[in-house]
Protein backbone atom coordinates (compact mmCIF):
# COMPACT_ATOMS: atom_id res chain seq x y z
CA THR A 1 -27.08 -53.33 9.95
CA PHE A 2 -27.05 -51.34 13.18
CA GLY A 3 -23.42 -51.54 13.59
CA GLU A 4 -22.76 -50.15 10.02
CA ALA A 5 -25.07 -47.29 10.86
CA PHE A 6 -23.65 -46.59 13.96
CA MET A 7 -20.15 -46.55 12.48
CA PHE A 8 -21.40 -44.20 9.87
CA TYR A 9 -23.00 -41.80 12.39
CA SER A 10 -19.77 -41.77 14.41
CA LYS A 11 -17.78 -40.96 11.47
CA THR A 12 -20.02 -38.19 10.33
CA LYS A 13 -20.01 -36.64 13.63
CA MET A 14 -16.37 -36.61 14.14
CA GLU A 15 -16.08 -35.16 10.59
CA ALA A 16 -18.44 -32.43 11.41
CA GLU A 17 -16.90 -31.75 14.95
CA ALA A 18 -13.53 -31.54 12.95
CA LYS A 19 -15.00 -29.12 10.56
CA LEU A 20 -16.37 -27.04 13.51
CA ALA A 21 -12.83 -26.94 15.21
CA ALA A 22 -11.28 -25.96 12.25
CA ILE A 23 -13.49 -22.93 11.70
CA ASP A 24 -13.13 -22.19 15.50
CA LYS A 25 -9.41 -21.94 15.04
CA SER A 26 -9.56 -19.78 11.85
CA GLN A 27 -12.61 -17.40 12.44
CA ALA A 28 -14.40 -15.33 14.93
CA THR A 29 -17.37 -17.02 16.18
CA ILE A 30 -20.30 -16.00 18.65
CA GLU A 31 -23.38 -17.54 19.35
CA PHE A 32 -27.05 -15.52 20.21
CA HIS A 33 -30.34 -16.57 21.43
CA PRO A 34 -33.05 -15.48 18.88
CA ASP A 35 -33.60 -12.58 20.95
CA GLY A 36 -29.95 -11.25 20.22
CA THR A 37 -28.53 -12.10 23.68
CA VAL A 38 -24.93 -13.42 23.67
CA LEU A 39 -24.56 -17.15 24.58
CA ALA A 40 -21.04 -17.87 23.97
CA ALA A 41 -17.89 -16.45 21.81
CA ASN A 42 -14.56 -17.81 20.75
CA ARG A 43 -11.14 -16.26 21.51
CA ASN A 44 -10.92 -14.97 18.05
CA PHE A 45 -14.32 -13.00 18.42
CA LEU A 46 -13.27 -11.86 21.77
CA ASN A 47 -9.72 -10.75 20.43
CA SER A 48 -11.31 -8.87 17.48
CA LEU A 49 -13.79 -6.76 19.62
CA GLY A 50 -11.36 -6.29 22.52
CA TYR A 51 -13.46 -7.91 25.25
CA GLU A 52 -13.27 -10.77 27.64
CA LEU A 53 -16.03 -13.25 27.74
CA ALA A 54 -17.74 -12.05 31.00
CA GLU A 55 -18.17 -8.66 29.65
CA ILE A 56 -20.44 -9.81 26.91
CA THR A 57 -22.06 -12.96 28.08
CA GLY A 58 -25.93 -12.15 28.47
CA LYS A 59 -25.33 -8.84 26.82
CA LYS A 60 -27.62 -8.05 23.70
CA HIS A 61 -25.97 -7.88 20.35
CA GLN A 62 -26.65 -4.33 20.14
CA ILE A 63 -23.61 -3.51 22.03
CA PHE A 64 -21.57 -4.12 19.13
CA VAL A 65 -23.33 -1.48 17.00
CA ASP A 66 -23.86 2.32 17.20
CA GLN A 67 -27.05 3.78 18.95
CA ALA A 68 -28.49 5.02 15.70
CA TYR A 69 -28.38 1.71 13.87
CA ALA A 70 -29.82 -0.17 16.96
CA ALA A 71 -32.67 2.19 17.22
CA SER A 72 -33.34 1.87 13.43
CA ARG A 73 -35.85 -0.30 11.32
CA ASP A 74 -33.22 -1.83 9.47
CA TYR A 75 -31.63 -3.50 12.56
CA ALA A 76 -34.96 -4.66 13.72
CA GLU A 77 -35.61 -6.24 10.38
CA PHE A 78 -32.02 -7.83 10.34
CA TRP A 79 -33.17 -9.72 13.63
CA GLU A 80 -36.70 -10.58 12.52
CA LYS A 81 -35.09 -12.45 9.09
CA LEU A 82 -32.83 -14.18 11.29
CA ARG A 83 -35.76 -15.31 13.75
CA ARG A 84 -37.53 -16.48 10.62
CA GLY A 85 -34.32 -18.76 9.59
CA GLU A 86 -32.87 -16.40 6.94
CA PRO A 87 -29.11 -16.26 7.13
CA GLN A 88 -27.67 -13.03 6.73
CA VAL A 89 -24.33 -12.46 4.81
CA ALA A 90 -22.43 -9.29 4.11
CA GLN A 91 -19.83 -6.94 5.24
CA PHE A 92 -20.90 -5.44 8.61
CA LYS A 93 -19.61 -2.24 10.63
CA ARG A 94 -19.33 -3.35 14.27
CA LEU A 95 -18.05 -1.60 17.41
CA GLY A 96 -15.51 -2.99 19.58
CA LYS A 97 -14.65 -2.29 23.25
CA GLY A 98 -14.37 1.63 23.79
CA GLY A 99 -16.12 2.39 20.61
CA ARG A 100 -13.47 1.03 18.32
CA GLU A 101 -14.79 0.56 14.66
CA VAL A 102 -14.36 -2.73 13.46
CA TRP A 103 -15.43 -4.19 9.89
CA ILE A 104 -16.31 -8.10 9.49
CA GLU A 105 -16.93 -10.34 6.73
CA ALA A 106 -19.66 -12.35 8.24
CA SER A 107 -22.45 -14.74 7.96
CA TYR A 108 -25.41 -15.30 10.71
CA ASN A 109 -26.82 -18.59 10.53
CA PRO A 110 -30.15 -19.49 12.27
CA LEU A 111 -29.84 -23.04 13.78
CA MET A 112 -33.21 -24.94 13.54
CA ARG A 113 -34.88 -27.49 15.71
CA ASN A 114 -38.40 -28.79 15.28
CA GLY A 115 -38.99 -26.08 12.73
CA ARG A 116 -37.92 -23.25 15.18
CA VAL A 117 -34.57 -21.14 15.51
CA GLU A 118 -32.84 -22.43 18.50
CA LYS A 119 -29.85 -19.97 18.29
CA VAL A 120 -27.92 -17.97 15.80
CA VAL A 121 -24.33 -18.67 15.13
CA LYS A 122 -22.33 -16.21 13.51
CA TYR A 123 -18.79 -16.59 11.80
CA ALA A 124 -16.66 -13.80 10.84
CA ILE A 125 -13.45 -12.48 9.56
CA ASP A 126 -12.12 -9.43 10.52
CA VAL A 127 -11.38 -7.06 7.60
CA THR A 128 -10.91 -3.99 9.01
CA ALA A 129 -7.36 -3.31 7.45
CA GLN A 130 -8.77 -4.36 4.13
CA LYS A 131 -11.61 -2.11 4.38
CA GLN A 132 -9.25 0.87 5.44
CA GLU A 133 -7.00 0.19 2.53
CA PHE A 134 -9.98 0.12 0.18
CA SER A 135 -11.40 3.15 1.52
CA ASP A 136 -8.03 5.06 1.20
CA LEU A 137 -7.72 3.89 -2.53
CA ARG A 138 -11.15 4.75 -3.28
CA GLY A 139 -10.78 8.23 -1.62
CA GLN A 140 -7.58 8.78 -4.11
CA VAL A 141 -9.38 7.46 -6.96
CA ASP A 142 -12.44 10.00 -6.37
CA ALA A 143 -9.96 12.76 -5.85
CA ILE A 144 -8.43 11.97 -9.17
CA ARG A 145 -11.59 11.64 -10.96
CA LYS A 146 -12.57 15.04 -9.53
CA SER A 147 -9.37 16.87 -10.64
CA GLN A 148 -8.48 15.35 -13.79
CA ALA A 149 -10.09 13.72 -17.20
CA VAL A 150 -10.69 10.11 -16.79
CA ILE A 151 -11.59 7.45 -19.39
CA SER A 152 -11.17 3.72 -19.57
CA PHE A 153 -11.01 1.41 -22.45
CA ASN A 154 -11.13 -2.30 -23.43
CA LEU A 155 -7.89 -3.69 -24.67
CA ASP A 156 -9.10 -3.47 -28.21
CA GLY A 157 -9.18 0.29 -27.60
CA THR A 158 -13.21 0.67 -27.52
CA VAL A 159 -14.41 3.24 -24.93
CA ILE A 160 -16.04 1.80 -21.73
CA GLU A 161 -16.65 5.11 -19.73
CA ALA A 162 -15.38 8.55 -19.32
CA ASN A 163 -15.85 11.21 -16.54
CA GLU A 164 -17.41 14.80 -16.90
CA ASN A 165 -13.90 16.15 -17.17
CA PHE A 166 -12.92 14.26 -20.09
CA LEU A 167 -16.00 15.02 -21.80
CA LYS A 168 -15.76 18.67 -21.23
CA THR A 169 -12.09 18.65 -22.54
CA LEU A 170 -12.88 16.76 -25.59
CA GLY A 171 -16.25 18.31 -26.40
CA TYR A 172 -18.44 15.22 -26.44
CA THR A 173 -21.19 13.52 -24.56
CA LEU A 174 -20.67 10.03 -23.28
CA ASP A 175 -23.27 8.43 -25.70
CA GLU A 176 -21.23 9.82 -28.70
CA ILE A 177 -18.09 8.04 -27.80
CA LYS A 178 -18.87 4.98 -25.66
CA GLY A 179 -18.44 1.73 -27.68
CA LYS A 180 -16.10 3.87 -30.27
CA HIS A 181 -12.42 3.34 -30.86
CA HIS A 182 -9.68 5.26 -29.31
CA ARG A 183 -8.71 6.41 -32.98
CA MET A 184 -11.47 8.86 -33.04
CA PHE A 185 -9.40 11.14 -30.68
CA VAL A 186 -6.20 11.04 -33.23
CA GLU A 187 -5.31 12.19 -36.55
CA PRO A 188 -6.15 9.53 -39.21
CA ALA A 189 -2.39 9.54 -40.62
CA TYR A 190 -1.53 8.76 -36.77
CA ALA A 191 -4.14 6.20 -36.39
CA ALA A 192 -2.81 4.25 -39.40
CA SER A 193 0.72 4.32 -38.54
CA PRO A 194 2.98 1.68 -36.95
CA GLU A 195 3.28 3.88 -34.01
CA TYR A 196 -0.05 3.91 -32.98
CA ALA A 197 -0.64 0.03 -33.44
CA GLU A 198 2.56 -0.31 -31.19
CA PHE A 199 1.01 1.95 -28.56
CA TRP A 200 -1.81 -0.16 -28.01
CA ASN A 201 0.19 -3.29 -28.13
CA LYS A 202 2.28 -2.12 -25.39
CA LEU A 203 -0.90 -1.42 -23.45
CA ARG A 204 -2.28 -5.11 -24.09
CA ALA A 205 1.12 -6.29 -22.88
CA GLY A 206 0.69 -4.43 -19.47
CA GLU A 207 3.13 -1.60 -20.24
CA PHE A 208 1.75 1.94 -19.04
CA GLN A 209 2.44 4.71 -21.45
CA ALA A 210 2.93 8.34 -20.21
CA ALA A 211 3.77 11.48 -22.09
CA GLN A 212 2.37 14.71 -23.62
CA PHE A 213 -0.30 13.57 -26.41
CA LYS A 214 -2.01 15.68 -29.18
CA ARG A 215 -5.62 14.61 -29.36
CA ILE A 216 -8.48 15.62 -31.57
CA GLY A 217 -11.64 16.71 -29.77
CA LYS A 218 -15.26 17.27 -31.38
CA GLY A 219 -15.10 19.02 -34.49
CA GLY A 220 -11.47 18.51 -35.15
CA ARG A 221 -10.21 20.98 -32.55
CA GLU A 222 -6.71 20.21 -31.49
CA VAL A 223 -6.14 19.44 -27.70
CA TRP A 224 -3.07 18.74 -25.77
CA ILE A 225 -2.97 16.53 -22.88
CA GLU A 226 -0.48 15.43 -20.18
CA ALA A 227 -1.73 11.66 -19.59
CA SER A 228 -0.73 8.26 -18.39
CA TYR A 229 -2.45 5.33 -20.14
CA ASN A 230 -2.65 2.34 -17.27
CA PRO A 231 -3.38 -1.14 -17.83
CA ILE A 232 -5.47 -2.72 -15.03
CA LEU A 233 -4.72 -6.17 -14.04
CA ASP A 234 -7.05 -8.91 -12.99
CA PRO A 235 -6.15 -11.18 -9.94
CA ASP A 236 -4.12 -13.55 -12.30
CA GLY A 237 -1.97 -10.27 -13.27
CA LYS A 238 -3.28 -10.13 -16.74
CA PRO A 239 -4.32 -6.87 -18.26
CA TYR A 240 -8.34 -6.51 -18.95
CA LYS A 241 -8.92 -2.80 -19.67
CA VAL A 242 -6.90 0.56 -19.56
CA VAL A 243 -7.67 3.48 -17.70
CA LYS A 244 -6.19 6.98 -18.84
CA PHE A 245 -5.60 10.26 -16.44
CA ALA A 246 -5.22 13.20 -18.24
CA THR A 247 -4.81 17.09 -17.59
CA ASP A 248 -5.69 19.70 -20.25
CA ILE A 249 -2.56 21.44 -21.23
CA THR A 250 -3.59 22.91 -24.50
CA ARG A 251 -3.49 26.42 -22.99
CA GLN A 252 0.09 26.04 -21.98
CA VAL A 253 1.20 24.40 -25.18
CA ALA A 254 -0.08 27.56 -27.07
CA LEU A 255 1.54 29.85 -24.84
CA LEU A 256 4.88 27.93 -25.18
CA GLY A 257 4.34 28.00 -29.07
CA SER A 258 3.75 31.84 -28.83
CA LEU A 259 6.79 32.04 -26.66
CA LYS A 260 8.93 30.17 -29.07
CA GLN A 261 7.68 32.26 -31.96
CA LEU A 262 8.75 35.28 -30.05
CA ILE A 263 12.21 33.97 -29.23
CA ASP A 264 12.70 32.90 -32.65
CA GLN A 265 11.55 36.24 -33.74
CA ASN A 266 13.80 38.04 -31.27
CA PHE A 267 16.97 35.89 -32.27
CA THR A 268 16.35 36.76 -35.81
CA GLU A 269 16.45 40.40 -34.99
CA MET A 270 19.61 39.79 -33.03
CA ASP A 271 21.34 38.03 -35.85
CA ASP A 272 20.43 40.75 -38.13
CA ALA A 273 21.86 43.42 -35.62
CA ILE A 274 24.92 41.41 -35.15
CA ARG A 275 25.60 41.12 -38.85
CA GLN A 276 25.09 44.87 -39.44
CA THR A 277 27.46 45.61 -36.53
CA SER A 278 30.08 43.37 -38.02
CA LEU A 279 29.71 45.14 -41.30
CA GLN A 280 30.10 48.31 -39.69
CA THR A 281 32.98 47.00 -37.73
CA GLU A 282 34.89 45.98 -40.87
CA ALA A 283 34.16 49.39 -42.60
CA ALA A 284 35.80 51.14 -39.37
CA SER A 285 38.63 48.76 -39.67
CA ARG A 286 39.20 49.78 -43.11
CA ALA A 287 38.65 53.48 -42.29
CA ALA A 288 41.40 53.05 -39.62
CA GLY A 289 43.73 51.37 -41.77
CA GLU A 290 43.58 54.08 -44.47
CA THR A 291 43.64 56.70 -41.69
CA LEU A 292 46.98 54.95 -40.44
CA GLY A 293 48.53 54.96 -43.93
CA ASN A 294 47.62 58.66 -44.35
CA VAL A 295 49.15 59.41 -40.83
CA GLN A 296 52.49 57.50 -41.83
CA MET A 297 52.69 59.30 -44.98
CA VAL A 298 52.51 62.68 -43.26
CA ALA A 299 55.01 61.64 -40.84
CA SER A 300 57.30 60.65 -43.38
CA ALA A 301 56.73 63.78 -45.29
CA ALA A 302 57.21 65.93 -42.02
CA GLU A 303 60.56 64.08 -41.56
CA GLU A 304 61.89 65.01 -45.04
CA LEU A 305 60.72 68.60 -44.62
CA ALA A 306 62.39 68.60 -41.32
CA ALA A 307 65.48 67.39 -42.98
CA SER A 308 65.42 70.15 -45.57
CA VAL A 309 65.12 72.78 -43.33
CA SER A 310 68.09 71.78 -41.45
CA GLU A 311 70.16 71.76 -44.62
CA ILE A 312 68.90 75.25 -45.27
CA SER A 313 69.58 76.47 -41.81
CA GLN A 314 73.14 75.28 -42.18
CA SER A 315 73.76 76.73 -45.52
CA MET A 316 72.31 80.14 -44.29
CA SER A 317 74.69 79.85 -41.37
CA MET A 318 77.79 79.17 -43.42
CA SER A 319 76.64 81.95 -45.62
CA ARG A 320 76.49 84.25 -42.75
CA ASN A 321 79.79 83.17 -41.20
CA ALA A 322 81.47 83.98 -44.78
CA SER A 323 79.91 87.40 -44.93
CA ASP A 324 81.04 88.40 -41.45
CA GLY A 325 84.46 87.15 -42.28
CA ALA A 326 84.46 89.36 -45.45
CA TYR A 327 82.99 92.41 -43.60
CA ASP A 328 85.71 92.11 -40.87
CA ARG A 329 88.46 92.11 -43.54
CA VAL A 330 87.13 95.26 -45.07
């Protein structure tokens, strides 16, 4: 019936208006004439770009882009597609008041009437902060990839990809290792050990591993790396791959080995010298003891000799006195 149809229409209209109101509250919205002239904008849009409505109404969309892009074929084609009724959805760089860079996640939606585009409505979310954070993280990752050996693995240990630094360090090409298991980089005995199995169990559990590792390059060449194996988590917090960042320290380890050998050799020589000195000291001590004994014997003999000389002297003195007395009596 007419009444039922009217009620259905009214309900549908109210739902549509409610949806538009919800979008208007949460997103930046702006409307354009098909030629790109601004018709209206909500408060969210004005706050994001830093304008008041009077400053942009009647102006062309190109006030929100840099001059080079506004004059480009890409920009002209962008509006041609909208006038043909083709929506445009992407992340866009736009310019706010004063030339401030603003990034938006937006959809430009042509509204049709009688087969013609009547106007274009854009719904957008300001993603400038997220874009800057992503750019910062991307810059850090790019810097790491330039300076370090990087390789990624599936959780089962098979190689996904590796950068040029890693390939040079181990002596392989990407085709030689892609899809192969990590165990190709370790000694067979270690690959078959419980320790190696536990190493991958921890990575699959989301536990990163960092240490100095001995690895085997192409042809069995021994390579030492300072590395971290980092489980990468999906949006649900579950590991889905492992990325390793590494620095080649083979030369440093070799130098440390040579230094240890030199130190061990020097300590051996020092031990020998100390033992020889100890033996010489013991011999000198014994000689000193013997010398002391000899000195004591000489001293004792000298004392005995002195006593004998004293006795002889006394006897001679008595004899002389007796002689003098006899002489006087004559």
